[in-house]
Amino acid sequence: MQQLDALYREALSEPDVIGLAVGTRPDCVPDAVLDLLAGYREEGLEVWLELGLQSAFDETLARVNRGHGLAECRTAVVAARRRGIPVCAHLILGLPGESDAHYHSSLDTVLALGVDGLKLHPLHVVKGTQLANQWRRGEYSPLGMGDYLRSPPI
């Protein structure tokens, strides 16, 4: 924990830095990390925890090899909120196998968890990945511009 604290303190030592927005996976915030972040808030610093949930569906998370499920996100949100740390959840639109119904359900789920913020991301297919290979074989079709622009996408 000392190394993490040293890194955060280095960032906080910059003159225009007033706080931290820590982005991580929901399964990577043990109590010791949350206690560290809560300590910064007690010092008067602004601190947000941003959790990359991506989807509220465990099947989707397994399909894209996230290595965590909704349960880990729920645990992290509850633990952070108990310490007074605001939480922002990240969701990705266009994950393989998901539809509008999944997006709406994921949104409802994270809002029910009591998150303070939400970030929506498009899915980016990266060359050389399993998803890129699926796309080349016609097994995955990303959302088009019109899909993102239609009102309301979520």
C-alpha atoms as a PDB file:
ATOM      1  CA  MET A   1       0.000   0.000   0.000  1.00  0.00           C
ATOM      2  CA  GLN A   2       2.961   2.307   0.593  1.00  0.00           C
ATOM      3  CA  GLN A   3       3.926   2.219  -3.091  1.00  0.00           C
ATOM      4  CA  LEU A   4       0.402   3.083  -4.178  1.00  0.00           C
ATOM      5  CA  ASP A   5       0.211   5.889  -1.623  1.00  0.00           C
ATOM      6  CA  ALA A   6       3.566   7.216  -2.850  1.00  0.00           C
ATOM      7  CA  LEU A   7       2.339   7.265  -6.456  1.00  0.00           C
ATOM      8  CA  TYR A   8      -0.900   9.017  -5.530  1.00  0.00           C
ATOM      9  CA  ARG A   9       0.954  11.519  -3.333  1.00  0.00           C
ATOM     10  CA  GLU A  10       3.297  12.294  -6.227  1.00  0.00           C
ATOM     11  CA  ALA A  11       0.321  13.064  -8.468  1.00  0.00           C
ATOM     12  CA  LEU A  12      -1.328  15.102  -5.723  1.00  0.00           C
ATOM     13  CA  SER A  13       1.829  17.164  -5.245  1.00  0.00           C
ATOM     14  CA  GLU A  14       1.295  18.847  -8.613  1.00  0.00           C
ATOM     15  CA  PRO A  15       0.098  22.441  -8.047  1.00  0.00           C
ATOM     16  CA  ASP A  16      -3.125  22.209 -10.043  1.00  0.00           C
ATOM     17  CA  VAL A  17      -4.178  18.739  -8.878  1.00  0.00           C
ATOM     18  CA  ILE A  18      -7.041  18.843  -6.389  1.00  0.00           C
ATOM     19  CA  GLY A  19      -7.925  15.174  -6.228  1.00  0.00           C
ATOM     20  CA  LEU A  20      -7.922  11.759  -7.792  1.00  0.00           C
ATOM     21  CA  ALA A  21     -10.180   9.828 -10.127  1.00  0.00           C
ATOM     22  CA  VAL A  22      -9.039   6.235  -9.763  1.00  0.00           C
ATOM     23  CA  GLY A  23     -10.185   3.981 -12.578  1.00  0.00           C
ATOM     24  CA  THR A  24      -9.935   0.239 -12.115  1.00  0.00           C
ATOM     25  CA  ARG A  25     -11.689  -3.068 -12.441  1.00  0.00           C
ATOM     26  CA  PRO A  26     -14.317  -3.851  -9.798  1.00  0.00           C
ATOM     27  CA  ASP A  27     -12.272  -6.797  -8.531  1.00  0.00           C
ATOM     28  CA  CYS A  28      -9.156  -4.696  -7.939  1.00  0.00           C
ATOM     29  CA  VAL A  29     -10.193  -2.516  -5.005  1.00  0.00           C
ATOM     30  CA  PRO A  30      -9.609  -4.372  -1.744  1.00  0.00           C
ATOM     31  CA  ASP A  31     -10.449  -2.745   1.575  1.00  0.00           C
ATOM     32  CA  ALA A  32      -6.902  -1.438   1.988  1.00  0.00           C
ATOM     33  CA  VAL A  33      -7.155   0.552  -1.254  1.00  0.00           C
ATOM     34  CA  LEU A  34     -10.581   1.907  -0.332  1.00  0.00           C
ATOM     35  CA  ASP A  35      -9.267   2.903   3.095  1.00  0.00           C
ATOM     36  CA  LEU A  36      -6.386   4.744   1.414  1.00  0.00           C
ATOM     37  CA  LEU A  37      -8.794   6.625  -0.872  1.00  0.00           C
ATOM     38  CA  ALA A  38     -11.106   7.417   2.024  1.00  0.00           C
ATOM     39  CA  GLY A  39      -8.115   8.872   3.883  1.00  0.00           C
ATOM     40  CA  TYR A  40      -7.503  11.319   1.039  1.00  0.00           C
ATOM     41  CA  ARG A  41     -11.129  12.424   1.240  1.00  0.00           C
ATOM     42  CA  GLU A  42     -10.683  12.991   4.983  1.00  0.00           C
ATOM     43  CA  GLU A  43      -7.776  15.306   4.080  1.00  0.00           C
ATOM     44  CA  GLY A  44     -10.205  17.350   1.986  1.00  0.00           C
ATOM     45  CA  LEU A  45      -9.169  16.013  -1.404  1.00  0.00           C
ATOM     46  CA  GLU A  46     -11.667  15.139  -4.110  1.00  0.00           C
ATOM     47  CA  VAL A  47     -11.621  11.398  -4.809  1.00  0.00           C
ATOM     48  CA  TRP A  48     -13.728   9.355  -7.199  1.00  0.00           C
ATOM     49  CA  LEU A  49     -13.626   5.622  -7.811  1.00  0.00           C
ATOM     50  CA  GLU A  50     -14.354   4.711 -11.428  1.00  0.00           C
ATOM     51  CA  LEU A  51     -15.239   1.065 -11.962  1.00  0.00           C
ATOM     52  CA  GLY A  52     -15.022  -0.558 -15.378  1.00  0.00           C
ATOM     53  CA  LEU A  53     -18.008  -2.852 -15.110  1.00  0.00           C
ATOM     54  CA  GLN A  54     -18.749  -2.663 -18.886  1.00  0.00           C
ATOM     55  CA  SER A  55     -21.925  -4.799 -18.620  1.00  0.00           C
ATOM     56  CA  ALA A  56     -24.202  -6.034 -15.863  1.00  0.00           C
ATOM     57  CA  PHE A  57     -24.412  -9.449 -17.528  1.00  0.00           C
ATOM     58  CA  ASP A  58     -22.010 -12.095 -16.271  1.00  0.00           C
ATOM     59  CA  GLU A  59     -22.365 -14.039 -19.542  1.00  0.00           C
ATOM     60  CA  THR A  60     -21.149 -11.003 -21.491  1.00  0.00           C
ATOM     61  CA  LEU A  61     -18.307 -10.342 -19.068  1.00  0.00           C
ATOM     62  CA  ALA A  62     -17.176 -13.968 -19.417  1.00  0.00           C
ATOM     63  CA  ARG A  63     -17.501 -13.777 -23.228  1.00  0.00           C
ATOM     64  CA  VAL A  64     -15.129 -10.794 -23.351  1.00  0.00           C
ATOM     65  CA  ASN A  65     -12.749 -12.226 -20.723  1.00  0.00           C
ATOM     66  CA  ARG A  66     -13.215  -9.475 -18.140  1.00  0.00           C
ATOM     67  CA  GLY A  67     -12.254 -11.749 -15.249  1.00  0.00           C
ATOM     68  CA  HIS A  68     -14.970 -10.419 -12.941  1.00  0.00           C
ATOM     69  CA  GLY A  69     -18.730 -10.388 -12.673  1.00  0.00           C
ATOM     70  CA  LEU A  70     -21.482  -8.138 -11.417  1.00  0.00           C
ATOM     71  CA  ALA A  71     -21.043  -9.437  -7.853  1.00  0.00           C
ATOM     72  CA  GLU A  72     -17.550  -7.943  -7.620  1.00  0.00           C
ATOM     73  CA  CYS A  73     -18.877  -4.608  -8.824  1.00  0.00           C
ATOM     74  CA  ARG A  74     -21.710  -4.667  -6.308  1.00  0.00           C
ATOM     75  CA  THR A  75     -19.226  -5.431  -3.512  1.00  0.00           C
ATOM     76  CA  ALA A  76     -16.885  -2.614  -4.576  1.00  0.00           C
ATOM     77  CA  VAL A  77     -19.689  -0.056  -4.885  1.00  0.00           C
ATOM     78  CA  VAL A  78     -21.131  -0.888  -1.472  1.00  0.00           C
ATOM     79  CA  ALA A  79     -17.695  -0.820   0.174  1.00  0.00           C
ATOM     80  CA  ALA A  80     -16.745   2.496  -1.472  1.00  0.00           C
ATOM     81  CA  ARG A  81     -20.067   4.169  -0.685  1.00  0.00           C
ATOM     82  CA  ARG A  82     -19.803   3.008   2.943  1.00  0.00           C
ATOM     83  CA  ARG A  83     -16.561   5.011   3.107  1.00  0.00           C
ATOM     84  CA  GLY A  84     -18.101   8.068   1.453  1.00  0.00           C
ATOM     85  CA  ILE A  85     -16.257   7.580  -1.841  1.00  0.00           C
ATOM     86  CA  PRO A  86     -18.357   8.523  -4.872  1.00  0.00           C
ATOM     87  CA  VAL A  87     -18.450   5.891  -7.598  1.00  0.00           C
ATOM     88  CA  CYS A  88     -18.697   6.227 -11.368  1.00  0.00           C
ATOM     89  CA  ALA A  89     -19.559   3.104 -13.366  1.00  0.00           C
ATOM     90  CA  HIS A  90     -18.351   2.567 -16.924  1.00  0.00           C
ATOM     91  CA  LEU A  91     -20.512   0.665 -19.412  1.00  0.00           C
ATOM     92  CA  ILE A  92     -19.706  -0.284 -23.001  1.00  0.00           C
ATOM     93  CA  LEU A  93     -22.363  -0.240 -25.697  1.00  0.00           C
ATOM     94  CA  GLY A  94     -22.028  -2.812 -28.474  1.00  0.00           C
ATOM     95  CA  LEU A  95     -20.466  -5.732 -26.623  1.00  0.00           C
ATOM     96  CA  PRO A  96     -20.838  -9.059 -28.466  1.00  0.00           C
ATOM     97  CA  GLY A  97     -24.194 -10.687 -27.859  1.00  0.00           C
ATOM     98  CA  GLU A  98     -25.815  -7.629 -26.329  1.00  0.00           C
ATOM     99  CA  SER A  99     -28.842  -5.689 -27.537  1.00  0.00           C
ATOM    100  CA  ASP A 100     -30.732  -2.566 -26.510  1.00  0.00           C
ATOM    101  CA  ALA A 101     -32.437  -4.644 -23.810  1.00  0.00           C
ATOM    102  CA  HIS A 102     -29.036  -5.476 -22.307  1.00  0.00           C
ATOM    103  CA  TYR A 103     -27.974  -1.813 -22.354  1.00  0.00           C
ATOM    104  CA  HIS A 104     -31.157  -0.738 -20.594  1.00  0.00           C
ATOM    105  CA  SER A 105     -30.857  -3.506 -18.028  1.00  0.00           C
ATOM    106  CA  SER A 106     -27.194  -2.702 -17.349  1.00  0.00           C
ATOM    107  CA  LEU A 107     -28.102   0.950 -16.867  1.00  0.00           C
ATOM    108  CA  ASP A 108     -30.941   0.083 -14.486  1.00  0.00           C
ATOM    109  CA  THR A 109     -28.639  -2.245 -12.566  1.00  0.00           C
ATOM    110  CA  VAL A 110     -25.834   0.264 -12.016  1.00  0.00           C
ATOM    111  CA  LEU A 111     -28.300   2.993 -11.075  1.00  0.00           C
ATOM    112  CA  ALA A 112     -29.891   0.625  -8.544  1.00  0.00           C
ATOM    113  CA  LEU A 113     -26.425   0.060  -7.061  1.00  0.00           C
ATOM    114  CA  GLY A 114     -26.378   3.754  -6.182  1.00  0.00           C
ATOM    115  CA  VAL A 115     -23.549   4.976  -8.382  1.00  0.00           C
ATOM    116  CA  ASP A 116     -22.920   8.719  -8.500  1.00  0.00           C
ATOM    117  CA  GLY A 117     -21.791   8.859 -12.112  1.00  0.00           C
ATOM    118  CA  LEU A 118     -21.945   6.939 -15.338  1.00  0.00           C
ATOM    119  CA  LYS A 119     -19.722   6.850 -18.409  1.00  0.00           C
ATOM    120  CA  LEU A 120     -20.845   5.188 -21.616  1.00  0.00           C
ATOM    121  CA  HIS A 121     -18.228   4.007 -24.075  1.00  0.00           C
ATOM    122  CA  PRO A 122     -18.381   2.667 -27.614  1.00  0.00           C
ATOM    123  CA  LEU A 123     -16.670  -0.654 -28.177  1.00  0.00           C
ATOM    124  CA  HIS A 124     -13.342  -0.369 -29.938  1.00  0.00           C
ATOM    125  CA  VAL A 125     -12.183  -3.425 -31.862  1.00  0.00           C
ATOM    126  CA  VAL A 126      -8.412  -3.665 -31.492  1.00  0.00           C
ATOM    127  CA  LYS A 127      -6.289  -5.305 -34.181  1.00  0.00           C
ATOM    128  CA  GLY A 128      -4.827  -8.656 -33.159  1.00  0.00           C
ATOM    129  CA  THR A 129      -7.446  -9.422 -30.499  1.00  0.00           C
ATOM    130  CA  GLN A 130      -9.930 -12.279 -30.321  1.00  0.00           C
ATOM    131  CA  LEU A 131     -12.715  -9.761 -31.029  1.00  0.00           C
ATOM    132  CA  ALA A 132     -10.925  -8.530 -34.162  1.00  0.00           C
ATOM    133  CA  ASN A 133     -10.658 -12.120 -35.382  1.00  0.00           C
ATOM    134  CA  GLN A 134     -14.374 -12.645 -34.706  1.00  0.00           C
ATOM    135  CA  TRP A 135     -15.147  -9.462 -36.644  1.00  0.00           C
ATOM    136  CA  ARG A 136     -13.048 -10.641 -39.621  1.00  0.00           C
ATOM    137  CA  ARG A 137     -14.872 -13.973 -39.657  1.00  0.00           C
ATOM    138  CA  GLY A 138     -18.250 -12.173 -39.561  1.00  0.00           C
ATOM    139  CA  GLU A 139     -19.029 -13.478 -36.074  1.00  0.00           C
ATOM    140  CA  TYR A 140     -19.267  -9.987 -34.589  1.00  0.00           C
ATOM    141  CA  SER A 141     -20.658  -6.805 -36.058  1.00  0.00           C
ATOM    142  CA  PRO A 142     -19.966  -3.563 -34.179  1.00  0.00           C
ATOM    143  CA  LEU A 143     -22.601  -0.904 -33.746  1.00  0.00           C
ATOM    144  CA  GLY A 144     -22.668   1.628 -36.548  1.00  0.00           C
ATOM    145  CA  MET A 145     -22.720   5.395 -36.218  1.00  0.00           C
ATOM    146  CA  GLY A 146     -26.508   5.401 -36.598  1.00  0.00           C
ATOM    147  CA  ASP A 147     -26.856   2.968 -33.695  1.00  0.00           C
ATOM    148  CA  TYR A 148     -24.962   5.342 -31.435  1.00  0.00           C
ATOM    149  CA  LEU A 149     -26.819   8.411 -32.670  1.00  0.00           C
ATOM    150  CA  ARG A 150     -30.388   7.194 -32.507  1.00  0.00           C
ATOM    151  CA  SER A 151     -32.438   8.630 -29.701  1.00  0.00           C
ATOM    152  CA  PRO A 152     -32.316   7.382 -27.006  1.00  0.00           C
ATOM    153  CA  PRO A 153     -29.627   4.671 -27.200  1.00  0.00           C
ATOM    154  CA  ILE A 154     -30.145   3.912 -23.499  1.00  0.00           C
END
